[in-house]
C-alpha atoms as a PDB file:
ATOM      1  CA  MET A   1     -44.922 -32.586-173.645  1.00  0.00           C
ATOM      2  CA  ASN A   2     -46.150 -33.260-170.138  1.00  0.00           C
ATOM      3  CA  ARG A   3     -42.601 -32.929-168.789  1.00  0.00           C
ATOM      4  CA  MET A   4     -42.847 -29.180-168.190  1.00  0.00           C
ATOM      5  CA  PRO A   5     -41.289 -27.705-165.027  1.00  0.00           C
ATOM      6  CA  ALA A   6     -43.633 -27.039-162.128  1.00  0.00           C
ATOM      7  CA  TRP A   7     -42.614 -23.390-161.863  1.00  0.00           C
ATOM      8  CA  MET A   8     -43.872 -22.679-165.391  1.00  0.00           C
ATOM      9  CA  GLY A   9     -47.254 -20.978-165.511  1.00  0.00           C
ATOM     10  CA  ALA A  10     -50.206 -22.042-167.661  1.00  0.00           C
ATOM     11  CA  LEU A  11     -49.615 -19.337-170.293  1.00  0.00           C
ATOM     12  CA  ASP A  12     -45.919 -20.193-170.505  1.00  0.00           C
ATOM     13  CA  ARG A  13     -46.752 -23.874-171.051  1.00  0.00           C
ATOM     14  CA  LYS A  14     -49.234 -22.897-173.752  1.00  0.00           C
ATOM     15  CA  LEU A  15     -46.597 -20.733-175.435  1.00  0.00           C
ATOM     16  CA  VAL A  16     -44.059 -23.575-175.430  1.00  0.00           C
ATOM     17  CA  ARG A  17     -46.666 -25.994-176.879  1.00  0.00           C
ATOM     18  CA  GLU A  18     -47.600 -23.512-179.610  1.00  0.00           C
ATOM     19  CA  LEU A  19     -43.966 -22.902-180.530  1.00  0.00           C
ATOM     20  CA  TRP A  20     -43.306 -26.643-180.634  1.00  0.00           C
ATOM     21  CA  ARG A  21     -46.200 -27.138-183.024  1.00  0.00           C
ATOM     22  CA  MET A  22     -44.954 -24.438-185.374  1.00  0.00           C
ATOM     23  CA  LYS A  23     -41.236 -25.111-184.972  1.00  0.00           C
ATOM     24  CA  THR A  24     -40.529 -25.037-188.716  1.00  0.00           C
ATOM     25  CA  GLN A  25     -42.267 -21.676-189.097  1.00  0.00           C
ATOM     26  CA  ALA A  26     -40.377 -20.301-186.090  1.00  0.00           C
ATOM     27  CA  LEU A  27     -37.125 -21.573-187.579  1.00  0.00           C
ATOM     28  CA  ALA A  28     -37.934 -19.921-190.923  1.00  0.00           C
ATOM     29  CA  ILE A  29     -38.700 -16.634-189.159  1.00  0.00           C
ATOM     30  CA  ALA A  30     -35.396 -16.860-187.260  1.00  0.00           C
ATOM     31  CA  PHE A  31     -33.518 -17.435-190.532  1.00  0.00           C
ATOM     32  CA  VAL A  32     -35.186 -14.420-192.167  1.00  0.00           C
ATOM     33  CA  ILE A  33     -34.279 -12.224-189.201  1.00  0.00           C
ATOM     34  CA  ALA A  34     -30.690 -13.561-189.200  1.00  0.00           C
ATOM     35  CA  GLY A  35     -30.443 -12.880-192.941  1.00  0.00           C
ATOM     36  CA  GLY A  36     -31.669  -9.317-192.463  1.00  0.00           C
ATOM     37  CA  VAL A  37     -29.147  -8.694-189.688  1.00  0.00           C
ATOM     38  CA  ALA A  38     -26.356 -10.140-191.846  1.00  0.00           C
ATOM     39  CA  VAL A  39     -27.292  -7.932-194.806  1.00  0.00           C
ATOM     40  CA  HIS A  40     -27.409  -4.876-192.552  1.00  0.00           C
ATOM     41  CA  LEU A  41     -23.964  -5.634-191.103  1.00  0.00           C
ATOM     42  CA  LEU A  42     -22.463  -6.224-194.545  1.00  0.00           C
ATOM     43  CA  ALA A  43     -23.971  -3.010-195.912  1.00  0.00           C
ATOM     44  CA  ALA A  44     -22.695  -0.990-192.943  1.00  0.00           C
ATOM     45  CA  GLY A  45     -19.213  -2.473-193.357  1.00  0.00           C
ATOM     46  CA  MET A  46     -19.220  -1.776-197.083  1.00  0.00           C
ATOM     47  CA  LEU A  47     -20.332   1.822-196.536  1.00  0.00           C
ATOM     48  CA  SER A  48     -17.530   2.354-194.036  1.00  0.00           C
ATOM     49  CA  SER A  49     -15.002   0.807-196.419  1.00  0.00           C
ATOM     50  CA  LEU A  50     -16.168   2.947-199.343  1.00  0.00           C
ATOM     51  CA  GLN A  51     -15.996   6.124-197.268  1.00  0.00           C
ATOM     52  CA  GLU A  52     -12.446   5.291-196.160  1.00  0.00           C
ATOM     53  CA  THR A  53     -11.442   4.465-199.733  1.00  0.00           C
ATOM     54  CA  ARG A  54     -12.832   7.779-200.983  1.00  0.00           C
ATOM     55  CA  ARG A  55     -11.013   9.668-198.233  1.00  0.00           C
ATOM     56  CA  ALA A  56      -7.701   7.950-199.035  1.00  0.00           C
ATOM     57  CA  TYR A  57      -8.163   8.493-202.788  1.00  0.00           C
ATOM     58  CA  TYR A  58      -8.902  12.194-202.335  1.00  0.00           C
ATOM     59  CA  GLU A  59      -5.878  12.560-200.056  1.00  0.00           C
ATOM     60  CA  ARG A  60      -3.540  10.623-202.363  1.00  0.00           C
ATOM     61  CA  TYR A  61      -4.494  12.527-205.513  1.00  0.00           C
ATOM     62  CA  LEU A  62      -4.927  15.888-203.748  1.00  0.00           C
ATOM     63  CA  PHE A  63      -8.583  16.312-204.638  1.00  0.00           C
ATOM     64  CA  ALA A  64     -10.444  19.184-203.106  1.00  0.00           C
ATOM     65  CA  ASP A  65     -12.803  18.578-200.210  1.00  0.00           C
ATOM     66  CA  VAL A  66     -15.105  21.329-201.473  1.00  0.00           C
ATOM     67  CA  TRP A  67     -15.843  22.174-205.086  1.00  0.00           C
ATOM     68  CA  ALA A  68     -16.792  25.643-206.272  1.00  0.00           C
ATOM     69  CA  PRO A  69     -17.633  25.694-209.976  1.00  0.00           C
ATOM     70  CA  VAL A  70     -16.920  28.922-211.803  1.00  0.00           C
ATOM     71  CA  VAL A  71     -18.968  29.443-214.933  1.00  0.00           C
ATOM     72  CA  ARG A  72     -17.939  32.898-216.104  1.00  0.00           C
ATOM     73  CA  ALA A  73     -15.032  34.451-214.245  1.00  0.00           C
ATOM     74  CA  PRO A  74     -12.947  37.309-215.652  1.00  0.00           C
ATOM     75  CA  GLN A  75      -9.460  36.376-216.880  1.00  0.00           C
ATOM     76  CA  ARG A  76      -7.897  38.867-214.456  1.00  0.00           C
ATOM     77  CA  LEU A  77      -9.069  36.714-211.477  1.00  0.00           C
ATOM     78  CA  ILE A  78      -7.187  33.538-212.482  1.00  0.00           C
ATOM     79  CA  ALA A  79      -4.072  34.418-210.452  1.00  0.00           C
ATOM     80  CA  ASP A  80      -6.193  35.292-207.400  1.00  0.00           C
ATOM     81  CA  ILE A  81      -8.142  32.013-207.635  1.00  0.00           C
ATOM     82  CA  ARG A  82      -4.931  29.981-207.950  1.00  0.00           C
ATOM     83  CA  ALA A  83      -3.518  31.784-204.896  1.00  0.00           C
ATOM     84  CA  ILE A  84      -6.588  30.796-202.896  1.00  0.00           C
ATOM     85  CA  VAL A  85      -6.261  27.174-203.994  1.00  0.00           C
ATOM     86  CA  VAL A  86      -2.565  26.955-203.074  1.00  0.00           C
ATOM     87  CA  ALA A  87      -2.948  28.827-199.788  1.00  0.00           C
ATOM     88  CA  GLY A  88      -6.027  26.851-198.760  1.00  0.00           C
ATOM     89  CA  CYS A  89      -4.460  23.423-199.246  1.00  0.00           C
ATOM     90  CA  GLY A  90      -2.112  22.446-196.459  1.00  0.00           C
ATOM     91  CA  ARG A  91      -1.323  19.026-197.889  1.00  0.00           C
ATOM     92  CA  CYS A  92      -0.379  19.888-201.496  1.00  0.00           C
ATOM     93  CA  GLY A  93       2.945  21.552-200.705  1.00  0.00           C
ATOM     94  CA  GLY A  94       2.415  24.573-202.946  1.00  0.00           C
ATOM     95  CA  GLN A  95       1.165  22.713-206.004  1.00  0.00           C
ATOM     96  CA  SER A  96      -1.800  24.290-207.708  1.00  0.00           C
ATOM     97  CA  ALA A  97      -2.814  21.039-209.403  1.00  0.00           C
ATOM     98  CA  PRO A  98      -2.522  17.417-208.325  1.00  0.00           C
ATOM     99  CA  PRO A  99       0.268  15.401-209.921  1.00  0.00           C
ATOM    100  CA  GLY A 100      -1.177  13.497-212.814  1.00  0.00           C
ATOM    101  CA  PRO A 101       0.082  11.371-215.682  1.00  0.00           C
ATOM    102  CA  ARG A 102       1.270  14.466-217.592  1.00  0.00           C
ATOM    103  CA  SER A 103       2.932  16.324-214.747  1.00  0.00           C
ATOM    104  CA  PRO A 104       6.752  16.579-214.744  1.00  0.00           C
ATOM    105  CA  SER A 105       7.042  14.963-211.300  1.00  0.00           C
ATOM    106  CA  HIS A 106       5.141  11.931-212.557  1.00  0.00           C
ATOM    107  CA  ARG A 107       7.397  11.553-215.618  1.00  0.00           C
ATOM    108  CA  ARG A 108      10.529  11.704-213.465  1.00  0.00           C
ATOM    109  CA  ALA A 109       9.192   8.921-211.222  1.00  0.00           C
ATOM    110  CA  GLU A 110       8.463   6.685-214.199  1.00  0.00           C
ATOM    111  CA  GLY A 111      11.636   7.386-216.191  1.00  0.00           C
END
């Protein structure tokens, strides 16, 4: 290890000698850090993919972006609530409910 460059200071030479002595530990530390970075990148990619999948699913099946549960509403308000739902949704084309397996449009597509 006496082949160190002349421009290297005493502390730098000591650091290189110490790292050379514990090269397996330094390699293990590097692998742990690389594994952590890989897990972080995979998790971030998966989160992005799941968010995009949820957005596409909600758009395809005309799910609402905001839910407002109604526990006890008077029967006379049903028409008003349906009017709000139809008017508020620009992508459903006037449908008050998303097409499902029992809707007439779905049966026509299958038959």
